[in-house]
Amino acid sequence: MKRYEYKVLDTGKDVEQQLNALGAQGWQAVGVTMKKQLFIAPPQAIILMRELEPARKAPPLVEAHA
């Protein structure tokens, strides 16, 4: 089963730099939030997500026989 993690990034002056850095780490923008009253306003936050790496399987336990 695939698992994902999410992050919300507030927009600001350096949002482009932040998005570039997060994109290099595997994050993808999947949505934005906006003020409903202002249709021409920039997004207030950007929603990001990335797939979590599957957990590594532990090696089988070896039982010692006496």
PDB file of N, CA and C in Angstrom:
ATOM      1  N   MET A   1       0.847  -1.167   0.000  1.00  0.00           N
ATOM      2  CA  MET A   1       0.000   0.000   0.000  1.00  0.00           C
ATOM      3  C   MET A   1       0.903   1.245   0.000  1.00  0.00           C
ATOM      4  N   LYS A   2       0.610   2.172  -0.846  1.00  0.00           N
ATOM      5  CA  LYS A   2       1.376   3.414  -0.904  1.00  0.00           C
ATOM      6  C   LYS A   2       0.955   4.336   0.224  1.00  0.00           C
ATOM      7  N   ARG A   3       1.934   5.025   0.776  1.00  0.00           N
ATOM      8  CA  ARG A   3       1.664   5.994   1.838  1.00  0.00           C
ATOM      9  C   ARG A   3       2.230   7.345   1.404  1.00  0.00           C
ATOM     10  N   TYR A   4       1.559   8.404   1.819  1.00  0.00           N
ATOM     11  CA  TYR A   4       1.964   9.745   1.420  1.00  0.00           C
ATOM     12  C   TYR A   4       2.080  10.633   2.643  1.00  0.00           C
ATOM     13  N   GLU A   5       2.899  11.666   2.514  1.00  0.00           N
ATOM     14  CA  GLU A   5       2.943  12.694   3.543  1.00  0.00           C
ATOM     15  C   GLU A   5       2.613  14.021   2.877  1.00  0.00           C
ATOM     16  N   TYR A   6       2.047  14.913   3.664  1.00  0.00           N
ATOM     17  CA  TYR A   6       1.580  16.192   3.147  1.00  0.00           C
ATOM     18  C   TYR A   6       2.251  17.329   3.885  1.00  0.00           C
ATOM     19  N   LYS A   7       2.352  18.450   3.211  1.00  0.00           N
ATOM     20  CA  LYS A   7       2.952  19.646   3.785  1.00  0.00           C
ATOM     21  C   LYS A   7       2.197  20.838   3.235  1.00  0.00           C
ATOM     22  N   VAL A   8       1.984  21.860   4.051  1.00  0.00           N
ATOM     23  CA  VAL A   8       1.340  23.095   3.605  1.00  0.00           C
ATOM     24  C   VAL A   8       2.378  24.196   3.686  1.00  0.00           C
ATOM     25  N   LEU A   9       2.583  24.884   2.584  1.00  0.00           N
ATOM     26  CA  LEU A   9       3.593  25.926   2.470  1.00  0.00           C
ATOM     27  C   LEU A   9       2.902  27.275   2.343  1.00  0.00           C
ATOM     28  N   ASP A  10       3.123  28.161   3.307  1.00  0.00           N
ATOM     29  CA  ASP A  10       2.567  29.510   3.205  1.00  0.00           C
ATOM     30  C   ASP A  10       3.287  30.269   2.106  1.00  0.00           C
ATOM     31  N   THR A  11       2.542  31.035   1.332  1.00  0.00           N
ATOM     32  CA  THR A  11       3.169  31.802   0.266  1.00  0.00           C
ATOM     33  C   THR A  11       3.836  33.031   0.858  1.00  0.00           C
ATOM     34  N   GLY A  12       4.892  33.447   0.219  1.00  0.00           N
ATOM     35  CA  GLY A  12       5.638  34.610   0.682  1.00  0.00           C
ATOM     36  C   GLY A  12       6.596  35.054  -0.403  1.00  0.00           C
ATOM     37  N   LYS A  13       7.535  35.891  -0.011  1.00  0.00           N
ATOM     38  CA  LYS A  13       8.475  36.441  -0.985  1.00  0.00           C
ATOM     39  C   LYS A  13       9.349  35.376  -1.635  1.00  0.00           C
ATOM     40  N   ASP A  14       9.784  34.395  -0.871  1.00  0.00           N
ATOM     41  CA  ASP A  14      10.711  33.404  -1.394  1.00  0.00           C
ATOM     42  C   ASP A  14      10.039  32.068  -1.712  1.00  0.00           C
ATOM     43  N   VAL A  15       8.776  32.094  -2.059  1.00  0.00           N
ATOM     44  CA  VAL A  15       8.029  30.854  -2.298  1.00  0.00           C
ATOM     45  C   VAL A  15       8.606  30.069  -3.476  1.00  0.00           C
ATOM     46  N   GLU A  16       9.099  30.748  -4.498  1.00  0.00           N
ATOM     47  CA  GLU A  16       9.651  30.045  -5.655  1.00  0.00           C
ATOM     48  C   GLU A  16      10.898  29.259  -5.265  1.00  0.00           C
ATOM     49  N   GLN A  17      11.753  29.848  -4.458  1.00  0.00           N
ATOM     50  CA  GLN A  17      12.958  29.150  -3.996  1.00  0.00           C
ATOM     51  C   GLN A  17      12.587  27.953  -3.124  1.00  0.00           C
ATOM     52  N   GLN A  18      11.597  28.139  -2.262  1.00  0.00           N
ATOM     53  CA  GLN A  18      11.161  27.049  -1.398  1.00  0.00           C
ATOM     54  C   GLN A  18      10.590  25.895  -2.223  1.00  0.00           C
ATOM     55  N   LEU A  19       9.775  26.212  -3.228  1.00  0.00           N
ATOM     56  CA  LEU A  19       9.195  25.176  -4.082  1.00  0.00           C
ATOM     57  C   LEU A  19      10.274  24.417  -4.856  1.00  0.00           C
ATOM     58  N   ASN A  20      11.282  25.124  -5.335  1.00  0.00           N
ATOM     59  CA  ASN A  20      12.373  24.467  -6.048  1.00  0.00           C
ATOM     60  C   ASN A  20      13.129  23.511  -5.133  1.00  0.00           C
ATOM     61  N   ALA A  21      13.407  23.956  -3.908  1.00  0.00           N
ATOM     62  CA  ALA A  21      14.129  23.110  -2.952  1.00  0.00           C
ATOM     63  C   ALA A  21      13.296  21.888  -2.575  1.00  0.00           C
ATOM     64  N   LEU A  22      12.009  22.079  -2.325  1.00  0.00           N
ATOM     65  CA  LEU A  22      11.143  20.965  -1.958  1.00  0.00           C
ATOM     66  C   LEU A  22      10.935  20.013  -3.139  1.00  0.00           C
ATOM     67  N   GLY A  23      10.861  20.549  -4.341  1.00  0.00           N
ATOM     68  CA  GLY A  23      10.726  19.713  -5.528  1.00  0.00           C
ATOM     69  C   GLY A  23      11.922  18.790  -5.697  1.00  0.00           C
ATOM     70  N   ALA A  24      13.106  19.265  -5.356  1.00  0.00           N
ATOM     71  CA  ALA A  24      14.301  18.434  -5.427  1.00  0.00           C
ATOM     72  C   ALA A  24      14.253  17.299  -4.413  1.00  0.00           C
ATOM     73  N   GLN A  25      13.431  17.454  -3.373  1.00  0.00           N
ATOM     74  CA  GLN A  25      13.283  16.423  -2.347  1.00  0.00           C
ATOM     75  C   GLN A  25      12.107  15.489  -2.643  1.00  0.00           C
ATOM     76  N   GLY A  26      11.476  15.659  -3.806  1.00  0.00           N
ATOM     77  CA  GLY A  26      10.387  14.764  -4.201  1.00  0.00           C
ATOM     78  C   GLY A  26       8.989  15.277  -3.915  1.00  0.00           C
ATOM     79  N   TRP A  27       8.860  16.498  -3.398  1.00  0.00           N
ATOM     80  CA  TRP A  27       7.532  17.055  -3.122  1.00  0.00           C
ATOM     81  C   TRP A  27       6.897  17.548  -4.413  1.00  0.00           C
ATOM     82  N   GLN A  28       5.569  17.386  -4.528  1.00  0.00           N
ATOM     83  CA  GLN A  28       4.810  17.872  -5.681  1.00  0.00           C
ATOM     84  C   GLN A  28       3.639  18.698  -5.187  1.00  0.00           C
ATOM     85  N   ALA A  29       3.385  19.818  -5.859  1.00  0.00           N
ATOM     86  CA  ALA A  29       2.233  20.652  -5.508  1.00  0.00           C
ATOM     87  C   ALA A  29       0.968  19.950  -6.003  1.00  0.00           C
ATOM     88  N   VAL A  30      -0.032  19.836  -5.113  1.00  0.00           N
ATOM     89  CA  VAL A  30      -1.282  19.170  -5.482  1.00  0.00           C
ATOM     90  C   VAL A  30      -2.499  20.070  -5.304  1.00  0.00           C
ATOM     91  N   GLY A  31      -2.312  21.267  -4.753  1.00  0.00           N
ATOM     92  CA  GLY A  31      -3.450  22.156  -4.570  1.00  0.00           C
ATOM     93  C   GLY A  31      -3.032  23.465  -3.937  1.00  0.00           C
ATOM     94  N   VAL A  32      -3.959  24.398  -3.906  1.00  0.00           N
ATOM     95  CA  VAL A  32      -3.735  25.693  -3.280  1.00  0.00           C
ATOM     96  C   VAL A  32      -4.978  26.078  -2.483  1.00  0.00           C
ATOM     97  N   THR A  33      -4.778  26.941  -1.503  1.00  0.00           N
ATOM     98  CA  THR A  33      -5.914  27.513  -0.789  1.00  0.00           C
ATOM     99  C   THR A  33      -5.968  28.991  -1.134  1.00  0.00           C
ATOM    100  N   MET A  34      -7.174  29.547  -1.190  1.00  0.00           N
ATOM    101  CA  MET A  34      -7.344  30.959  -1.526  1.00  0.00           C
ATOM    102  C   MET A  34      -8.402  31.573  -0.639  1.00  0.00           C
ATOM    103  N   LYS A  35      -8.346  32.877  -0.552  1.00  0.00           N
ATOM    104  CA  LYS A  35      -9.437  33.598   0.092  1.00  0.00           C
ATOM    105  C   LYS A  35     -10.600  33.611  -0.887  1.00  0.00           C
ATOM    106  N   LYS A  36     -11.746  33.179  -0.459  1.00  0.00           N
ATOM    107  CA  LYS A  36     -12.890  33.098  -1.363  1.00  0.00           C
ATOM    108  C   LYS A  36     -13.372  34.473  -1.818  1.00  0.00           C
ATOM    109  N   GLN A  37     -13.115  35.495  -1.001  1.00  0.00           N
ATOM    110  CA  GLN A  37     -13.626  36.824  -1.347  1.00  0.00           C
ATOM    111  C   GLN A  37     -12.815  37.485  -2.468  1.00  0.00           C
ATOM    112  N   LEU A  38     -11.552  37.099  -2.617  1.00  0.00           N
ATOM    113  CA  LEU A  38     -10.689  37.774  -3.589  1.00  0.00           C
ATOM    114  C   LEU A  38     -10.275  36.798  -4.686  1.00  0.00           C
ATOM    115  N   PHE A  39     -10.929  36.859  -5.810  1.00  0.00           N
ATOM    116  CA  PHE A  39     -10.633  35.925  -6.882  1.00  0.00           C
ATOM    117  C   PHE A  39      -9.310  36.209  -7.574  1.00  0.00           C
ATOM    118  N   ILE A  40      -8.789  37.431  -7.463  1.00  0.00           N
ATOM    119  CA  ILE A  40      -7.522  37.751  -8.118  1.00  0.00           C
ATOM    120  C   ILE A  40      -6.347  37.676  -7.149  1.00  0.00           C
ATOM    121  N   ALA A  41      -6.601  37.310  -5.916  1.00  0.00           N
ATOM    122  CA  ALA A  41      -5.527  37.232  -4.928  1.00  0.00           C
ATOM    123  C   ALA A  41      -4.655  36.005  -5.191  1.00  0.00           C
ATOM    124  N   PRO A  42      -3.382  36.098  -4.842  1.00  0.00           N
ATOM    125  CA  PRO A  42      -2.524  34.916  -4.985  1.00  0.00           C
ATOM    126  C   PRO A  42      -2.909  33.856  -3.947  1.00  0.00           C
ATOM    127  N   PRO A  43      -2.507  32.633  -4.180  1.00  0.00           N
ATOM    128  CA  PRO A  43      -2.816  31.590  -3.199  1.00  0.00           C
ATOM    129  C   PRO A  43      -2.255  31.944  -1.824  1.00  0.00           C
ATOM    130  N   GLN A  44      -2.979  31.587  -0.792  1.00  0.00           N
ATOM    131  CA  GLN A  44      -2.512  31.833   0.573  1.00  0.00           C
ATOM    132  C   GLN A  44      -1.584  30.725   1.038  1.00  0.00           C
ATOM    133  N   ALA A  45      -1.785  29.517   0.526  1.00  0.00           N
ATOM    134  CA  ALA A  45      -0.942  28.383   0.875  1.00  0.00           C
ATOM    135  C   ALA A  45      -0.940  27.384  -0.279  1.00  0.00           C
ATOM    136  N   ILE A  46       0.149  26.657  -0.388  1.00  0.00           N
ATOM    137  CA  ILE A  46       0.279  25.628  -1.412  1.00  0.00           C
ATOM    138  C   ILE A  46       0.365  24.290  -0.693  1.00  0.00           C
ATOM    139  N   ILE A  47      -0.413  23.333  -1.140  1.00  0.00           N
ATOM    140  CA  ILE A  47      -0.443  22.012  -0.530  1.00  0.00           C
ATOM    141  C   ILE A  47       0.474  21.097  -1.342  1.00  0.00           C
ATOM    142  N   LEU A  48       1.409  20.458  -0.655  1.00  0.00           N
ATOM    143  CA  LEU A  48       2.379  19.581  -1.298  1.00  0.00           C
ATOM    144  C   LEU A  48       2.221  18.167  -0.760  1.00  0.00           C
ATOM    145  N   MET A  49       2.630  17.193  -1.556  1.00  0.00           N
ATOM    146  CA  MET A  49       2.623  15.808  -1.075  1.00  0.00           C
ATOM    147  C   MET A  49       3.758  15.059  -1.738  1.00  0.00           C
ATOM    148  N   ARG A  50       4.187  13.967  -1.075  1.00  0.00           N
ATOM    149  CA  ARG A  50       5.157  13.060  -1.668  1.00  0.00           C
ATOM    150  C   ARG A  50       4.914  11.669  -1.108  1.00  0.00           C
ATOM    151  N   GLU A  51       5.305  10.693  -1.908  1.00  0.00           N
ATOM    152  CA  GLU A  51       5.133   9.306  -1.489  1.00  0.00           C
ATOM    153  C   GLU A  51       6.234   8.952  -0.500  1.00  0.00           C
ATOM    154  N   LEU A  52       5.837   8.300   0.579  1.00  0.00           N
ATOM    155  CA  LEU A  52       6.811   7.813   1.540  1.00  0.00           C
ATOM    156  C   LEU A  52       7.456   6.555   0.987  1.00  0.00           C
ATOM    157  N   GLU A  53       8.733   6.395   1.270  1.00  0.00           N
ATOM    158  CA  GLU A  53       9.400   5.181   0.844  1.00  0.00           C
ATOM    159  C   GLU A  53       8.855   4.022   1.668  1.00  0.00           C
ATOM    160  N   PRO A  54       8.653   2.891   1.030  1.00  0.00           N
ATOM    161  CA  PRO A  54       8.143   1.749   1.804  1.00  0.00           C
ATOM    162  C   PRO A  54       9.142   1.357   2.884  1.00  0.00           C
ATOM    163  N   ALA A  55       8.621   0.904   3.994  1.00  0.00           N
ATOM    164  CA  ALA A  55       9.480   0.482   5.095  1.00  0.00           C
ATOM    165  C   ALA A  55      10.284  -0.734   4.656  1.00  0.00           C
ATOM    166  N   ARG A  56      11.530  -0.733   5.041  1.00  0.00           N
ATOM    167  CA  ARG A  56      12.386  -1.869   4.698  1.00  0.00           C
ATOM    168  C   ARG A  56      11.973  -3.075   5.524  1.00  0.00           C
ATOM    169  N   LYS A  57      11.998  -4.218   4.884  1.00  0.00           N
ATOM    170  CA  LYS A  57      11.660  -5.439   5.604  1.00  0.00           C
ATOM    171  C   LYS A  57      12.853  -5.847   6.462  1.00  0.00           C
ATOM    172  N   ALA A  58      12.587  -6.185   7.684  1.00  0.00           N
ATOM    173  CA  ALA A  58      13.642  -6.636   8.577  1.00  0.00           C
ATOM    174  C   ALA A  58      14.084  -8.035   8.153  1.00  0.00           C
ATOM    175  N   PRO A  59      15.373  -8.341   8.314  1.00  0.00           N
ATOM    176  CA  PRO A  59      15.811  -9.691   7.978  1.00  0.00           C
ATOM    177  C   PRO A  59      15.166 -10.702   8.907  1.00  0.00           C
ATOM    178  N   PRO A  60      14.962 -11.898   8.437  1.00  0.00           N
ATOM    179  CA  PRO A  60      14.312 -12.903   9.285  1.00  0.00           C
ATOM    180  C   PRO A  60      15.158 -13.194  10.523  1.00  0.00           C
ATOM    181  N   LEU A  61      14.476 -13.436  11.608  1.00  0.00           N
ATOM    182  CA  LEU A  61      15.174 -13.768  12.840  1.00  0.00           C
ATOM    183  C   LEU A  61      15.688 -15.204  12.757  1.00  0.00           C
ATOM    184  N   VAL A  62      16.894 -15.388  13.199  1.00  0.00           N
ATOM    185  CA  VAL A  62      17.492 -16.714  13.189  1.00  0.00           C
ATOM    186  C   VAL A  62      17.489 -17.235  14.612  1.00  0.00           C
ATOM    187  N   GLU A  63      16.878 -18.370  14.815  1.00  0.00           N
ATOM    188  CA  GLU A  63      16.825 -18.948  16.149  1.00  0.00           C
ATOM    189  C   GLU A  63      18.055 -19.831  16.357  1.00  0.00           C
ATOM    190  N   ALA A  64      18.695 -19.651  17.499  1.00  0.00           N
ATOM    191  CA  ALA A  64      19.860 -20.480  17.821  1.00  0.00           C
ATOM    192  C   ALA A  64      19.377 -21.782  18.440  1.00  0.00           C
ATOM    193  N   HIS A  65      19.873 -22.875  17.924  1.00  0.00           N
ATOM    194  CA  HIS A  65      19.524 -24.192  18.464  1.00  0.00           C
ATOM    195  C   HIS A  65      20.679 -24.686  19.318  1.00  0.00           C
ATOM    196  N   ALA A  66      20.375 -25.135  20.540  1.00  0.00           N
ATOM    197  CA  ALA A  66      21.439 -25.601  21.434  1.00  0.00           C
ATOM    198  C   ALA A  66      21.776 -27.035  21.214  1.00  0.00           C
TER     199      ALA A  66
END
